[in-house]
Amino acid sequence: MTTPVRTITFIDSAYPKSHKITEFVWSGRLDKHGQLWFDLHLRSADYYLSEGEDYLDDIDEDESDDEEEYTSLAHWQAPIVWDNYHCCTLSSTYWSDDQGILLSTGNTPFDFDNFITHQFNVDIAPQIDSDTDEDEERAEVPAFSIYLLGHDACKNHQIHFQRQQDNTYHINWSGEIALFYAGFDEFIHQFSAQLENIPFDGFYFPKSWDLDKAALKFKKVLSHFEHYEFVLINPKSQIKQWKLKYIA
């Protein structure tokens, strides 16, 4: 059986070859306000592993010692910078409970039965377009956060889902990155992730809700509720916590 492709590429970076993805979870969430979301969590392997152990030895030492202009591109293309941060985490769940891809507020229920092929275009508009505190307060929370060369920023996500015959999905995810941690606010760098045969993990909901309340809330944001079932998150645990799985 062919191993599914699950890689992320940082285009024209110090490590331009594809990096293996060591963690990936596609899940959903119904928040306390009754809004339904998709969440994605991704973590890469250590950067240097993509090029092979001899990659750094092939870099011209004189070139690496030259003083370079302090620019975003110089950071992006400097192996020593990437080696300081080891691997990438790109996620809507790792740092916050307020990120993700909004599916439904209740006005139009989400229909998983017809979720066969779809592209989400997320965070296309600028998040902050002024230096004033007032504008920062009005700025929307980004859908995803990224730890790449420190805590950086990402936007202009294009996330394409394609259902397979076994009801897993191929996901192609691209976006733009700004090296905020180094002091750069221009989104001039690109990433691209290819993920094959990804299962949907289920919809989570507040732990304080019982199943009757959860069912009532989910029926407002999901079409064909009969195509779902509640399953225990950890059947071996004495504490009963549930999620909603799509079973059709």
C-alpha atoms as a PDB file:
ATOM      1  CA  MET A   1       0.000   0.000   0.000  1.00  0.00           C
ATOM      2  CA  THR A   2       1.355   3.429  -0.957  1.00  0.00           C
ATOM      3  CA  THR A   3       2.087   5.724   1.971  1.00  0.00           C
ATOM      4  CA  PRO A   4      -0.070   8.875   1.785  1.00  0.00           C
ATOM      5  CA  VAL A   5       1.764  12.098   0.982  1.00  0.00           C
ATOM      6  CA  ARG A   6       1.777  14.452   3.978  1.00  0.00           C
ATOM      7  CA  THR A   7       4.307  17.238   3.491  1.00  0.00           C
ATOM      8  CA  ILE A   8       4.745  20.990   3.815  1.00  0.00           C
ATOM      9  CA  THR A   9       7.057  23.102   1.659  1.00  0.00           C
ATOM     10  CA  PHE A  10       8.424  26.559   2.468  1.00  0.00           C
ATOM     11  CA  ILE A  11       9.054  27.953  -0.994  1.00  0.00           C
ATOM     12  CA  ASP A  12      12.535  29.359  -1.743  1.00  0.00           C
ATOM     13  CA  SER A  13      13.567  29.050   1.897  1.00  0.00           C
ATOM     14  CA  ALA A  14      16.835  27.823   3.370  1.00  0.00           C
ATOM     15  CA  TYR A  15      15.247  24.353   3.384  1.00  0.00           C
ATOM     16  CA  PRO A  16      13.251  24.330   0.123  1.00  0.00           C
ATOM     17  CA  LYS A  17      12.537  20.619  -0.111  1.00  0.00           C
ATOM     18  CA  SER A  18       9.292  19.190   1.268  1.00  0.00           C
ATOM     19  CA  HIS A  19       9.194  18.500   5.004  1.00  0.00           C
ATOM     20  CA  LYS A  20       7.356  15.514   6.434  1.00  0.00           C
ATOM     21  CA  ILE A  21       4.356  16.295   8.594  1.00  0.00           C
ATOM     22  CA  THR A  22       4.587  14.437  11.904  1.00  0.00           C
ATOM     23  CA  GLU A  23       1.228  15.577  13.315  1.00  0.00           C
ATOM     24  CA  PHE A  24      -1.968  16.513  11.533  1.00  0.00           C
ATOM     25  CA  VAL A  25      -5.487  16.667  12.946  1.00  0.00           C
ATOM     26  CA  TRP A  26      -8.576  17.878  11.127  1.00  0.00           C
ATOM     27  CA  SER A  27     -11.375  18.349  13.627  1.00  0.00           C
ATOM     28  CA  GLY A  28     -14.451  20.484  14.232  1.00  0.00           C
ATOM     29  CA  ARG A  29     -15.853  22.434  17.131  1.00  0.00           C
ATOM     30  CA  LEU A  30     -19.163  23.862  18.311  1.00  0.00           C
ATOM     31  CA  ASP A  31     -18.333  26.795  20.578  1.00  0.00           C
ATOM     32  CA  LYS A  32     -20.289  28.127  23.543  1.00  0.00           C
ATOM     33  CA  HIS A  33     -21.951  30.709  21.280  1.00  0.00           C
ATOM     34  CA  GLY A  34     -23.380  28.027  18.998  1.00  0.00           C
ATOM     35  CA  GLN A  35     -20.963  28.641  16.119  1.00  0.00           C
ATOM     36  CA  LEU A  36     -19.569  25.680  14.168  1.00  0.00           C
ATOM     37  CA  TRP A  37     -15.904  25.582  13.109  1.00  0.00           C
ATOM     38  CA  PHE A  38     -13.306  23.460  11.363  1.00  0.00           C
ATOM     39  CA  ASP A  39      -9.885  23.268  13.034  1.00  0.00           C
ATOM     40  CA  LEU A  40      -6.547  22.214  11.550  1.00  0.00           C
ATOM     41  CA  HIS A  41      -3.389  21.395  13.486  1.00  0.00           C
ATOM     42  CA  LEU A  42      -0.081  20.656  11.749  1.00  0.00           C
ATOM     43  CA  ARG A  43       3.464  20.028  12.957  1.00  0.00           C
ATOM     44  CA  SER A  44       6.456  19.361  10.713  1.00  0.00           C
ATOM     45  CA  ALA A  45       9.567  17.261  11.221  1.00  0.00           C
ATOM     46  CA  ASP A  46      12.803  19.084  12.061  1.00  0.00           C
ATOM     47  CA  TYR A  47      13.734  21.333   9.180  1.00  0.00           C
ATOM     48  CA  TYR A  48      17.187  19.918   8.440  1.00  0.00           C
ATOM     49  CA  LEU A  49      15.808  16.408   7.908  1.00  0.00           C
ATOM     50  CA  SER A  50      14.274  17.417   4.574  1.00  0.00           C
ATOM     51  CA  GLU A  51      17.641  18.028   2.916  1.00  0.00           C
ATOM     52  CA  GLY A  52      19.722  15.181   4.281  1.00  0.00           C
ATOM     53  CA  GLU A  53      22.514  15.180   6.824  1.00  0.00           C
ATOM     54  CA  ASP A  54      25.100  16.564   4.378  1.00  0.00           C
ATOM     55  CA  TYR A  55      23.073  19.639   3.388  1.00  0.00           C
ATOM     56  CA  LEU A  56      24.703  22.083   5.791  1.00  0.00           C
ATOM     57  CA  ASP A  57      28.169  20.811   4.876  1.00  0.00           C
ATOM     58  CA  ASP A  58      27.562  21.820   1.267  1.00  0.00           C
ATOM     59  CA  ILE A  59      26.957  25.484   2.151  1.00  0.00           C
ATOM     60  CA  ASP A  60      29.884  27.792   1.339  1.00  0.00           C
ATOM     61  CA  GLU A  61      31.341  28.749   4.725  1.00  0.00           C
ATOM     62  CA  ASP A  62      32.639  32.075   3.394  1.00  0.00           C
ATOM     63  CA  GLU A  63      29.159  32.899   2.134  1.00  0.00           C
ATOM     64  CA  SER A  64      27.574  32.033   5.489  1.00  0.00           C
ATOM     65  CA  ASP A  65      30.052  34.290   7.290  1.00  0.00           C
ATOM     66  CA  ASP A  66      29.356  37.318   5.105  1.00  0.00           C
ATOM     67  CA  GLU A  67      27.445  40.134   6.750  1.00  0.00           C
ATOM     68  CA  GLU A  68      24.051  40.346   5.116  1.00  0.00           C
ATOM     69  CA  GLU A  69      21.469  43.089   5.086  1.00  0.00           C
ATOM     70  CA  TYR A  70      18.860  42.574   7.797  1.00  0.00           C
ATOM     71  CA  THR A  71      15.880  41.706   5.619  1.00  0.00           C
ATOM     72  CA  SER A  72      13.024  39.264   5.714  1.00  0.00           C
ATOM     73  CA  LEU A  73      14.436  37.412   2.696  1.00  0.00           C
ATOM     74  CA  ALA A  74      17.859  37.076   4.351  1.00  0.00           C
ATOM     75  CA  HIS A  75      16.195  35.484   7.393  1.00  0.00           C
ATOM     76  CA  TRP A  76      14.067  33.239   5.177  1.00  0.00           C
ATOM     77  CA  GLN A  77      17.127  31.913   3.367  1.00  0.00           C
ATOM     78  CA  ALA A  78      19.521  31.532   6.328  1.00  0.00           C
ATOM     79  CA  PRO A  79      19.881  27.902   7.524  1.00  0.00           C
ATOM     80  CA  ILE A  80      21.265  28.997  10.908  1.00  0.00           C
ATOM     81  CA  VAL A  81      18.018  30.855  11.597  1.00  0.00           C
ATOM     82  CA  TRP A  82      15.875  27.827  10.736  1.00  0.00           C
ATOM     83  CA  ASP A  83      18.060  25.555  12.856  1.00  0.00           C
ATOM     84  CA  ASN A  84      17.369  27.748  15.895  1.00  0.00           C
ATOM     85  CA  TYR A  85      13.644  26.910  15.739  1.00  0.00           C
ATOM     86  CA  HIS A  86      13.753  23.247  14.655  1.00  0.00           C
ATOM     87  CA  CYS A  87      10.234  22.661  13.302  1.00  0.00           C
ATOM     88  CA  CYS A  88       6.973  24.327  12.354  1.00  0.00           C
ATOM     89  CA  THR A  89       3.621  24.328  14.135  1.00  0.00           C
ATOM     90  CA  LEU A  90       0.673  25.706  12.130  1.00  0.00           C
ATOM     91  CA  SER A  91      -2.586  25.460  14.027  1.00  0.00           C
ATOM     92  CA  SER A  92      -5.969  26.872  14.971  1.00  0.00           C
ATOM     93  CA  THR A  93      -6.065  24.916  18.240  1.00  0.00           C
ATOM     94  CA  TYR A  94      -2.571  24.874  19.750  1.00  0.00           C
ATOM     95  CA  TRP A  95      -2.556  28.421  21.143  1.00  0.00           C
ATOM     96  CA  SER A  96      -6.193  29.540  21.077  1.00  0.00           C
ATOM     97  CA  ASP A  97      -9.825  28.484  21.357  1.00  0.00           C
ATOM     98  CA  ASP A  98     -10.953  31.373  19.131  1.00  0.00           C
ATOM     99  CA  GLN A  99      -9.428  30.472  15.768  1.00  0.00           C
ATOM    100  CA  GLY A 100     -10.410  28.178  12.905  1.00  0.00           C
ATOM    101  CA  ILE A 101     -12.648  28.188   9.820  1.00  0.00           C
ATOM    102  CA  LEU A 102     -16.202  29.330  10.540  1.00  0.00           C
ATOM    103  CA  LEU A 103     -18.764  26.930   9.009  1.00  0.00           C
ATOM    104  CA  SER A 104     -22.089  28.075  10.431  1.00  0.00           C
ATOM    105  CA  THR A 105     -23.593  30.537  12.861  1.00  0.00           C
ATOM    106  CA  GLY A 106     -26.956  28.767  12.661  1.00  0.00           C
ATOM    107  CA  ASN A 107     -28.431  30.722   9.762  1.00  0.00           C
ATOM    108  CA  THR A 108     -27.266  28.176   7.176  1.00  0.00           C
ATOM    109  CA  PRO A 109     -26.548  24.679   8.582  1.00  0.00           C
ATOM    110  CA  PHE A 110     -23.393  22.942   7.397  1.00  0.00           C
ATOM    111  CA  ASP A 111     -24.071  19.942   5.139  1.00  0.00           C
ATOM    112  CA  PHE A 112     -21.346  17.280   5.405  1.00  0.00           C
ATOM    113  CA  ASP A 113     -23.232  15.025   2.971  1.00  0.00           C
ATOM    114  CA  ASN A 114     -22.489  17.501   0.181  1.00  0.00           C
ATOM    115  CA  PHE A 115     -19.000  18.401   1.373  1.00  0.00           C
ATOM    116  CA  ILE A 116     -17.323  16.622  -1.532  1.00  0.00           C
ATOM    117  CA  THR A 117     -14.999  19.243  -2.955  1.00  0.00           C
ATOM    118  CA  HIS A 118     -14.606  22.715  -1.528  1.00  0.00           C
ATOM    119  CA  GLN A 119     -12.013  25.458  -1.169  1.00  0.00           C
ATOM    120  CA  PHE A 120     -11.935  27.824   1.784  1.00  0.00           C
ATOM    121  CA  ASN A 121     -10.287  31.206   1.220  1.00  0.00           C
ATOM    122  CA  VAL A 122      -9.377  32.428   4.701  1.00  0.00           C
ATOM    123  CA  ASP A 123      -7.853  35.658   6.045  1.00  0.00           C
ATOM    124  CA  ILE A 124      -7.641  37.188   2.579  1.00  0.00           C
ATOM    125  CA  ALA A 125      -8.051  40.785   3.756  1.00  0.00           C
ATOM    126  CA  PRO A 126      -5.297  42.488   5.802  1.00  0.00           C
ATOM    127  CA  GLN A 127      -5.654  41.720   9.500  1.00  0.00           C
ATOM    128  CA  ILE A 128      -4.262  45.054  10.720  1.00  0.00           C
ATOM    129  CA  ASP A 129      -3.969  48.121   8.493  1.00  0.00           C
ATOM    130  CA  SER A 130      -3.030  50.759  11.054  1.00  0.00           C
ATOM    131  CA  ASP A 131      -0.773  51.292  14.037  1.00  0.00           C
ATOM    132  CA  THR A 132      -3.519  52.657  16.270  1.00  0.00           C
ATOM    133  CA  ASP A 133      -4.732  50.755  19.311  1.00  0.00           C
ATOM    134  CA  GLU A 134      -8.338  51.241  18.189  1.00  0.00           C
ATOM    135  CA  ASP A 135      -7.720  49.532  14.869  1.00  0.00           C
ATOM    136  CA  GLU A 136      -5.842  46.705  16.566  1.00  0.00           C
ATOM    137  CA  GLU A 137      -8.831  46.085  18.826  1.00  0.00           C
ATOM    138  CA  ARG A 138     -11.109  45.900  15.776  1.00  0.00           C
ATOM    139  CA  ALA A 139      -8.798  43.559  13.884  1.00  0.00           C
ATOM    140  CA  GLU A 140     -10.128  40.052  13.520  1.00  0.00           C
ATOM    141  CA  VAL A 141      -8.439  37.107  15.157  1.00  0.00           C
ATOM    142  CA  PRO A 142      -6.555  35.213  12.429  1.00  0.00           C
ATOM    143  CA  ALA A 143      -7.796  31.740  11.580  1.00  0.00           C
ATOM    144  CA  PHE A 144      -4.364  30.178  12.230  1.00  0.00           C
ATOM    145  CA  SER A 145      -1.208  30.919  14.172  1.00  0.00           C
ATOM    146  CA  ILE A 146       2.253  29.750  13.170  1.00  0.00           C
ATOM    147  CA  TYR A 147       5.525  29.040  14.925  1.00  0.00           C
ATOM    148  CA  LEU A 148       8.127  28.943  12.163  1.00  0.00           C
ATOM    149  CA  LEU A 149      11.159  31.153  12.843  1.00  0.00           C
ATOM    150  CA  GLY A 150       9.666  32.198  16.153  1.00  0.00           C
ATOM    151  CA  HIS A 151       6.032  33.223  16.574  1.00  0.00           C
ATOM    152  CA  ASP A 152       5.317  34.558  13.101  1.00  0.00           C
ATOM    153  CA  ALA A 153       2.061  35.268  11.231  1.00  0.00           C
ATOM    154  CA  CYS A 154       0.197  33.779   8.273  1.00  0.00           C
ATOM    155  CA  LYS A 155      -2.771  34.727   6.092  1.00  0.00           C
ATOM    156  CA  ASN A 156      -4.221  34.381   2.565  1.00  0.00           C
ATOM    157  CA  HIS A 157      -4.946  30.701   3.126  1.00  0.00           C
ATOM    158  CA  GLN A 158      -6.389  28.605   0.311  1.00  0.00           C
ATOM    159  CA  ILE A 159      -7.488  25.244   1.724  1.00  0.00           C
ATOM    160  CA  HIS A 160      -8.954  22.763  -0.731  1.00  0.00           C
ATOM    161  CA  PHE A 161     -10.759  19.588   0.400  1.00  0.00           C
ATOM    162  CA  GLN A 162     -11.492  16.636  -1.908  1.00  0.00           C
ATOM    163  CA  ARG A 163     -13.414  13.600  -0.649  1.00  0.00           C
ATOM    164  CA  GLN A 164     -12.040  10.154  -1.505  1.00  0.00           C
ATOM    165  CA  GLN A 165     -13.911   6.872  -1.948  1.00  0.00           C
ATOM    166  CA  ASP A 166     -13.122   5.783   1.620  1.00  0.00           C
ATOM    167  CA  ASN A 167     -14.544   9.091   2.971  1.00  0.00           C
ATOM    168  CA  THR A 168     -11.104  10.441   3.830  1.00  0.00           C
ATOM    169  CA  TYR A 169     -10.001  13.674   2.191  1.00  0.00           C
ATOM    170  CA  HIS A 170      -7.078  15.037   0.239  1.00  0.00           C
ATOM    171  CA  ILE A 171      -6.257  18.522   1.557  1.00  0.00           C
ATOM    172  CA  ASN A 172      -4.117  21.064  -0.296  1.00  0.00           C
ATOM    173  CA  TRP A 173      -3.275  24.079   1.870  1.00  0.00           C
ATOM    174  CA  SER A 174      -1.285  27.126   0.796  1.00  0.00           C
ATOM    175  CA  GLY A 175      -0.753  30.519   2.358  1.00  0.00           C
ATOM    176  CA  GLU A 176       1.552  33.453   2.990  1.00  0.00           C
ATOM    177  CA  ILE A 177       3.888  34.103   5.915  1.00  0.00           C
ATOM    178  CA  ALA A 178       5.355  37.229   7.517  1.00  0.00           C
ATOM    179  CA  LEU A 179       8.344  36.839   9.829  1.00  0.00           C
ATOM    180  CA  PHE A 180       6.788  38.843  12.661  1.00  0.00           C
ATOM    181  CA  TYR A 181       9.170  37.467  15.275  1.00  0.00           C
ATOM    182  CA  ALA A 182      12.125  39.059  13.477  1.00  0.00           C
ATOM    183  CA  GLY A 183      10.272  42.352  13.057  1.00  0.00           C
ATOM    184  CA  PHE A 184       8.960  42.024   9.499  1.00  0.00           C
ATOM    185  CA  ASP A 185       5.269  42.591   8.706  1.00  0.00           C
ATOM    186  CA  GLU A 186       5.202  41.868   4.963  1.00  0.00           C
ATOM    187  CA  PHE A 187       3.538  38.614   3.911  1.00  0.00           C
ATOM    188  CA  ILE A 188       6.079  37.828   1.188  1.00  0.00           C
ATOM    189  CA  HIS A 189       6.861  34.160   1.894  1.00  0.00           C
ATOM    190  CA  GLN A 190       4.764  31.165   0.829  1.00  0.00           C
ATOM    191  CA  PHE A 191       4.055  27.684   2.112  1.00  0.00           C
ATOM    192  CA  SER A 192       2.245  24.775   0.516  1.00  0.00           C
ATOM    193  CA  ALA A 193       1.051  21.587   2.243  1.00  0.00           C
ATOM    194  CA  GLN A 194      -0.194  18.397   0.617  1.00  0.00           C
ATOM    195  CA  LEU A 195      -2.094  15.938   2.777  1.00  0.00           C
ATOM    196  CA  GLU A 196      -3.626  12.724   1.492  1.00  0.00           C
ATOM    197  CA  ASN A 197      -6.254  10.436   3.032  1.00  0.00           C
ATOM    198  CA  ILE A 198      -7.022  12.579   6.061  1.00  0.00           C
ATOM    199  CA  PRO A 199      -9.950  11.415   8.224  1.00  0.00           C
ATOM    200  CA  PHE A 200     -12.241  13.863   9.984  1.00  0.00           C
ATOM    201  CA  ASP A 201     -11.759  13.567  13.743  1.00  0.00           C
ATOM    202  CA  GLY A 202     -15.212  14.778  14.763  1.00  0.00           C
ATOM    203  CA  PHE A 203     -16.885  17.834  16.258  1.00  0.00           C
ATOM    204  CA  TYR A 204     -15.992  18.750  19.836  1.00  0.00           C
ATOM    205  CA  PHE A 205     -18.192  20.836  22.136  1.00  0.00           C
ATOM    206  CA  PRO A 206     -18.006  22.406  25.622  1.00  0.00           C
ATOM    207  CA  LYS A 207     -17.358  19.829  28.336  1.00  0.00           C
ATOM    208  CA  SER A 208     -20.071  21.337  30.533  1.00  0.00           C
ATOM    209  CA  TRP A 209     -22.832  20.351  28.071  1.00  0.00           C
ATOM    210  CA  ASP A 210     -24.708  17.078  28.476  1.00  0.00           C
ATOM    211  CA  LEU A 211     -25.606  15.095  25.363  1.00  0.00           C
ATOM    212  CA  ASP A 212     -29.181  16.396  25.212  1.00  0.00           C
ATOM    213  CA  LYS A 213     -28.001  20.010  25.193  1.00  0.00           C
ATOM    214  CA  ALA A 214     -25.246  19.209  22.684  1.00  0.00           C
ATOM    215  CA  ALA A 215     -27.729  17.503  20.342  1.00  0.00           C
ATOM    216  CA  LEU A 216     -30.065  20.488  20.517  1.00  0.00           C
ATOM    217  CA  LYS A 217     -27.236  22.886  19.694  1.00  0.00           C
ATOM    218  CA  PHE A 218     -25.797  20.756  16.882  1.00  0.00           C
ATOM    219  CA  LYS A 219     -29.183  20.419  15.172  1.00  0.00           C
ATOM    220  CA  LYS A 220     -29.156  24.187  14.630  1.00  0.00           C
ATOM    221  CA  VAL A 221     -25.868  24.180  12.687  1.00  0.00           C
ATOM    222  CA  LEU A 222     -25.740  20.739  11.026  1.00  0.00           C
ATOM    223  CA  SER A 223     -27.932  19.316   8.285  1.00  0.00           C
ATOM    224  CA  HIS A 224     -28.945  15.646   8.476  1.00  0.00           C
ATOM    225  CA  PHE A 225     -28.205  15.230  12.181  1.00  0.00           C
ATOM    226  CA  GLU A 226     -29.245  11.579  11.856  1.00  0.00           C
ATOM    227  CA  HIS A 227     -25.942  11.006  10.018  1.00  0.00           C
ATOM    228  CA  TYR A 228     -23.949  11.628  13.195  1.00  0.00           C
ATOM    229  CA  GLU A 229     -23.393   9.863  16.484  1.00  0.00           C
ATOM    230  CA  PHE A 230     -21.821  10.758  19.815  1.00  0.00           C
ATOM    231  CA  VAL A 231     -18.696   8.728  20.664  1.00  0.00           C
ATOM    232  CA  LEU A 232     -16.488   8.714  23.733  1.00  0.00           C
ATOM    233  CA  ILE A 233     -13.229  10.598  23.286  1.00  0.00           C
ATOM    234  CA  ASN A 234     -11.360   8.245  25.611  1.00  0.00           C
ATOM    235  CA  PRO A 235     -13.381   5.086  26.373  1.00  0.00           C
ATOM    236  CA  LYS A 236     -10.849   3.971  29.004  1.00  0.00           C
ATOM    237  CA  SER A 237     -11.195   7.132  31.059  1.00  0.00           C
ATOM    238  CA  GLN A 238     -13.555   7.253  34.024  1.00  0.00           C
ATOM    239  CA  ILE A 239     -14.474  10.799  33.006  1.00  0.00           C
ATOM    240  CA  LYS A 240     -16.995  10.621  30.174  1.00  0.00           C
ATOM    241  CA  GLN A 241     -16.251  13.144  27.445  1.00  0.00           C
ATOM    242  CA  TRP A 242     -17.852  12.999  24.024  1.00  0.00           C
ATOM    243  CA  LYS A 243     -17.498  14.265  20.471  1.00  0.00           C
ATOM    244  CA  LEU A 244     -19.855  14.095  17.503  1.00  0.00           C
ATOM    245  CA  LYS A 245     -18.742  11.865  14.617  1.00  0.00           C
ATOM    246  CA  TYR A 246     -19.991  11.929  11.051  1.00  0.00           C
ATOM    247  CA  ILE A 247     -20.938   8.369  10.077  1.00  0.00           C
ATOM    248  CA  ALA A 248     -22.676   8.591   6.685  1.00  0.00           C
END
